[in-house]
Amino acid sequence: MNYQKLEKNVIDLLFKELDPRYVYHNVNHTLDVLESANRIAEYEQLNANDFVLLKTAALLHDVGFIKQYDDNEEISAEITGNLLPDYDYTEDQIQVVCRMIRMTASRMKPECYLDRLLCDADLDYLGRNDYLNKSMLLFREWREMKNGMTLREWYEIQVSFLENHSYFSTYSKIYRENKKNQFLSEIKELLNR
C-alpha cells in the first residue's frame, strides 16, 4: 500500500474539486477526521495493516462530495474502489475500506470493529471543545445546500442526532461521550428558553 502518495493526491483532488460552499465538508474536515482516526487507532492499538486501512478510509470517506452533496457515501466508495488499485491495495483491502466508507452514512449501523472506529473518527467533534464551531459550519453548509433552515430547526435536528448517537470505541467513550452529553443538555436548555 502506497498510502503517502495516495494522501497527497487525494488532498490535492479535494482542494481542486470540492465546491467552495462546503464550509464543513472540505479539506479541513478530511484532515480532522484523519487526525482523529490516528488518535483512536493509537489508543486502540491497531496493528499496522488495520491502521493504514483506517487512515485510508478516513482520507477517502467524503471524496464523493466532489460529485454530489446528498447520499455521497456510495459514490465515495465507488471512487475509492477505482482509485486504490493504483496505490497497490489488494482487492480484500479495497473491499474493507469501501465497506468502512459506506458505514459512515447516518442510516447505517456499523457492525465491524474498523467500521466503528471510522464512524467515531468522523463524528469525533461531537464530544470536543470545538463542537459549537464545527456545528455552526455544518449549519451554514446545510442552509446553503438544502435551501434554507432556521437556527431553531438546526438545534432541533442536533438534539435528535445527539440523543441517538453512540460512540463505539473505548477512546471515544472515555474522551468524548461526556462532553457530547454536556452539549446535548446545553442545546436542550437553549431550545427551552
Protein backbone atom coordinates (compact mmCIF):
# COMPACT_ATOMS: atom_id res chain seq x y z
CA MET A 1 0.00 0.00 0.00
CA ASN A 2 1.38 3.37 -1.01
CA TYR A 3 -0.58 5.46 1.48
CA GLN A 4 1.71 8.52 1.45
CA LYS A 5 1.32 9.09 -2.29
CA LEU A 6 -2.43 8.43 -2.02
CA GLU A 7 -2.82 11.01 0.74
CA LYS A 8 -1.05 13.72 -1.23
CA ASN A 9 -3.06 13.05 -4.38
CA VAL A 10 -6.43 12.87 -2.58
CA ILE A 11 -5.82 16.11 -0.67
CA ASP A 12 -4.87 17.80 -3.97
CA LEU A 13 -8.04 16.41 -5.58
CA LEU A 14 -10.24 17.69 -2.75
CA PHE A 15 -8.66 21.16 -2.89
CA LYS A 16 -9.34 21.35 -6.64
CA GLU A 17 -12.76 19.70 -6.89
CA LEU A 18 -14.81 20.41 -3.76
CA ASP A 19 -17.49 23.08 -4.02
CA PRO A 20 -16.37 26.22 -2.12
CA ARG A 21 -19.80 26.35 -0.48
CA TYR A 22 -18.77 23.30 1.55
CA VAL A 23 -17.61 25.16 4.62
CA TYR A 24 -17.77 21.98 6.73
CA HIS A 25 -17.20 19.06 4.31
CA ASN A 26 -13.92 20.39 2.98
CA VAL A 27 -10.23 19.50 3.19
CA ASN A 28 -10.10 20.68 6.81
CA HIS A 29 -12.78 18.14 7.73
CA THR A 30 -10.89 15.35 5.99
CA LEU A 31 -7.68 16.28 7.82
CA ASP A 32 -9.59 16.50 11.10
CA VAL A 33 -11.07 13.02 10.61
CA LEU A 34 -7.61 11.70 9.72
CA GLU A 35 -6.16 13.16 12.90
CA SER A 36 -9.00 11.68 14.96
CA ALA A 37 -8.55 8.30 13.27
CA ASN A 38 -4.83 8.37 14.14
CA ARG A 39 -5.59 9.20 17.77
CA ILE A 40 -8.23 6.48 18.09
CA ALA A 41 -6.06 3.89 16.30
CA GLU A 42 -3.11 4.55 18.60
CA TYR A 43 -5.29 4.29 21.69
CA GLU A 44 -6.95 1.11 20.42
CA GLN A 45 -3.51 -0.30 19.47
CA LEU A 46 -4.39 -1.28 15.92
CA ASN A 47 -1.94 -3.44 14.01
CA ALA A 48 -0.05 -1.75 11.15
CA ASN A 49 -2.31 -3.08 8.37
CA ASP A 50 -5.56 -2.05 10.08
CA PHE A 51 -4.06 1.34 10.93
CA VAL A 52 -3.37 2.04 7.24
CA LEU A 53 -6.83 0.80 6.25
CA LEU A 54 -8.45 3.10 8.82
CA LYS A 55 -6.38 6.08 7.65
CA THR A 56 -7.22 5.28 4.03
CA ALA A 57 -10.95 5.18 4.77
CA ALA A 58 -10.72 8.41 6.77
CA LEU A 59 -8.92 10.09 3.88
CA LEU A 60 -11.47 8.97 1.29
CA HIS A 61 -14.71 8.84 3.28
CA ASP A 62 -16.08 12.10 1.84
CA VAL A 63 -14.43 12.12 -1.60
CA GLY A 64 -17.91 11.58 -3.10
CA PHE A 65 -18.71 15.20 -2.27
CA ILE A 66 -16.81 16.12 -5.44
CA LYS A 67 -19.75 14.58 -7.36
CA GLN A 68 -22.83 15.29 -5.21
CA TYR A 69 -23.89 16.52 -1.79
CA ASP A 70 -26.53 14.08 -0.56
CA ASP A 71 -26.00 10.32 -0.26
CA ASN A 72 -22.35 10.62 -1.20
CA GLU A 73 -21.07 7.60 0.74
CA GLU A 74 -21.75 5.14 -2.08
CA ILE A 75 -20.07 7.48 -4.55
CA SER A 76 -17.11 7.81 -2.17
CA ALA A 77 -16.86 4.00 -2.07
CA GLU A 78 -17.03 3.77 -5.87
CA ILE A 79 -14.30 6.38 -6.33
CA THR A 80 -12.22 4.59 -3.70
CA GLY A 81 -12.66 1.23 -5.41
CA ASN A 82 -11.45 2.69 -8.68
CA LEU A 83 -8.56 4.61 -7.13
CA LEU A 84 -6.90 2.19 -4.70
CA PRO A 85 -5.59 -0.39 -7.20
CA ASP A 86 -3.26 2.36 -8.50
CA TYR A 87 -1.74 2.56 -5.00
CA ASP A 88 -1.05 -1.16 -4.55
CA TYR A 89 -4.03 -2.03 -2.36
CA THR A 90 -5.25 -5.62 -2.66
CA GLU A 91 -8.84 -6.46 -3.56
CA ASP A 92 -9.50 -7.55 0.06
CA GLN A 93 -8.08 -4.28 1.42
CA ILE A 94 -10.17 -2.27 -1.05
CA GLN A 95 -13.34 -4.10 0.00
CA VAL A 96 -12.64 -3.38 3.68
CA VAL A 97 -12.01 0.33 3.02
CA CYS A 98 -15.12 0.67 0.84
CA ARG A 99 -17.28 -1.06 3.46
CA MET A 100 -15.95 1.30 6.13
CA ILE A 101 -16.79 4.33 3.99
CA ARG A 102 -20.33 3.07 3.33
CA MET A 103 -20.86 2.70 7.08
CA THR A 104 -20.38 6.45 7.65
CA ALA A 105 -23.86 7.06 6.23
CA SER A 106 -26.04 8.14 9.15
CA ARG A 107 -28.64 5.44 8.43
CA MET A 108 -26.09 2.63 8.68
CA LYS A 109 -25.29 0.62 11.79
CA PRO A 110 -21.61 -0.38 11.69
CA GLU A 111 -21.00 -3.89 12.95
CA CYS A 112 -17.28 -4.39 12.26
CA TYR A 113 -14.59 -3.00 14.52
CA LEU A 114 -12.85 -0.86 11.88
CA ASP A 115 -16.21 0.49 10.65
CA ARG A 116 -16.97 1.65 14.16
CA LEU A 117 -13.58 3.32 14.55
CA LEU A 118 -14.08 5.29 11.33
CA CYS A 119 -17.55 6.38 12.43
CA ASP A 120 -16.09 7.58 15.73
CA ALA A 121 -13.34 9.49 13.92
CA ASP A 122 -15.88 11.09 11.57
CA LEU A 123 -18.01 12.30 14.49
CA ASP A 124 -15.20 12.91 16.97
CA TYR A 125 -16.02 16.63 17.06
CA LEU A 126 -19.38 15.93 18.76
CA GLY A 127 -17.53 15.50 22.04
CA ARG A 128 -14.79 18.10 21.64
CA ASN A 129 -14.45 21.70 22.71
CA ASP A 130 -14.74 22.85 19.08
CA TYR A 131 -18.19 21.25 18.68
CA LEU A 132 -20.07 24.55 18.53
CA ASN A 133 -17.76 25.99 15.87
CA LYS A 134 -17.94 22.82 13.76
CA SER A 135 -21.69 22.60 14.24
CA MET A 136 -22.17 26.18 13.03
CA LEU A 137 -20.08 25.46 9.93
CA LEU A 138 -22.27 22.45 9.19
CA PHE A 139 -25.40 24.56 9.79
CA ARG A 140 -24.17 27.19 7.31
CA GLU A 141 -23.40 24.47 4.77
CA TRP A 142 -26.77 22.74 5.19
CA ARG A 143 -28.60 26.06 4.93
CA GLU A 144 -26.78 26.76 1.66
CA MET A 145 -27.08 23.27 0.17
CA LYS A 146 -30.55 22.33 1.42
CA ASN A 147 -32.39 25.58 0.60
CA GLY A 148 -32.63 27.22 3.96
CA MET A 149 -33.12 26.24 7.55
CA THR A 150 -33.68 28.24 10.71
CA LEU A 151 -31.31 28.07 13.64
CA ARG A 152 -34.09 26.61 15.76
CA GLU A 153 -34.65 23.84 13.22
CA TRP A 154 -30.92 23.16 13.24
CA TYR A 155 -30.85 22.86 17.04
CA GLU A 156 -33.83 20.51 16.97
CA ILE A 157 -32.00 18.31 14.45
CA GLN A 158 -28.92 18.41 16.66
CA VAL A 159 -30.88 17.29 19.73
CA SER A 160 -32.33 14.34 17.85
CA PHE A 161 -28.95 13.42 16.37
CA LEU A 162 -27.04 13.66 19.66
CA GLU A 163 -29.71 11.70 21.54
CA ASN A 164 -29.50 8.86 19.03
CA HIS A 165 -25.73 8.85 18.60
CA SER A 166 -23.41 6.50 20.46
CA TYR A 167 -19.66 6.22 20.28
CA PHE A 168 -18.21 2.73 19.80
CA SER A 169 -14.50 2.83 20.65
CA THR A 170 -13.09 2.80 24.15
CA TYR A 171 -11.21 6.00 23.34
CA SER A 172 -14.33 7.89 22.25
CA LYS A 173 -16.42 6.62 25.15
CA ILE A 174 -13.79 7.80 27.62
CA TYR A 175 -12.77 11.08 25.98
CA ARG A 176 -15.82 12.24 24.01
CA GLU A 177 -19.10 10.86 25.43
CA ASN A 178 -19.40 13.12 28.50
CA LYS A 179 -18.67 16.32 26.58
CA LYS A 180 -21.16 15.31 23.87
CA ASN A 181 -23.85 14.81 26.52
CA GLN A 182 -23.00 18.19 28.02
CA PHE A 183 -23.56 19.85 24.63
CA LEU A 184 -26.86 18.00 24.27
CA SER A 185 -28.04 19.40 27.62
CA GLU A 186 -26.96 22.91 26.65
CA ILE A 187 -28.82 22.77 23.33
CA LYS A 188 -31.98 21.46 25.03
CA GLU A 189 -31.75 24.28 27.55
CA LEU A 190 -31.33 26.79 24.73
CA LEU A 191 -34.42 25.45 22.95
CA ASN A 192 -36.49 25.67 26.13
CA ARG A 193 -35.84 29.39 26.53
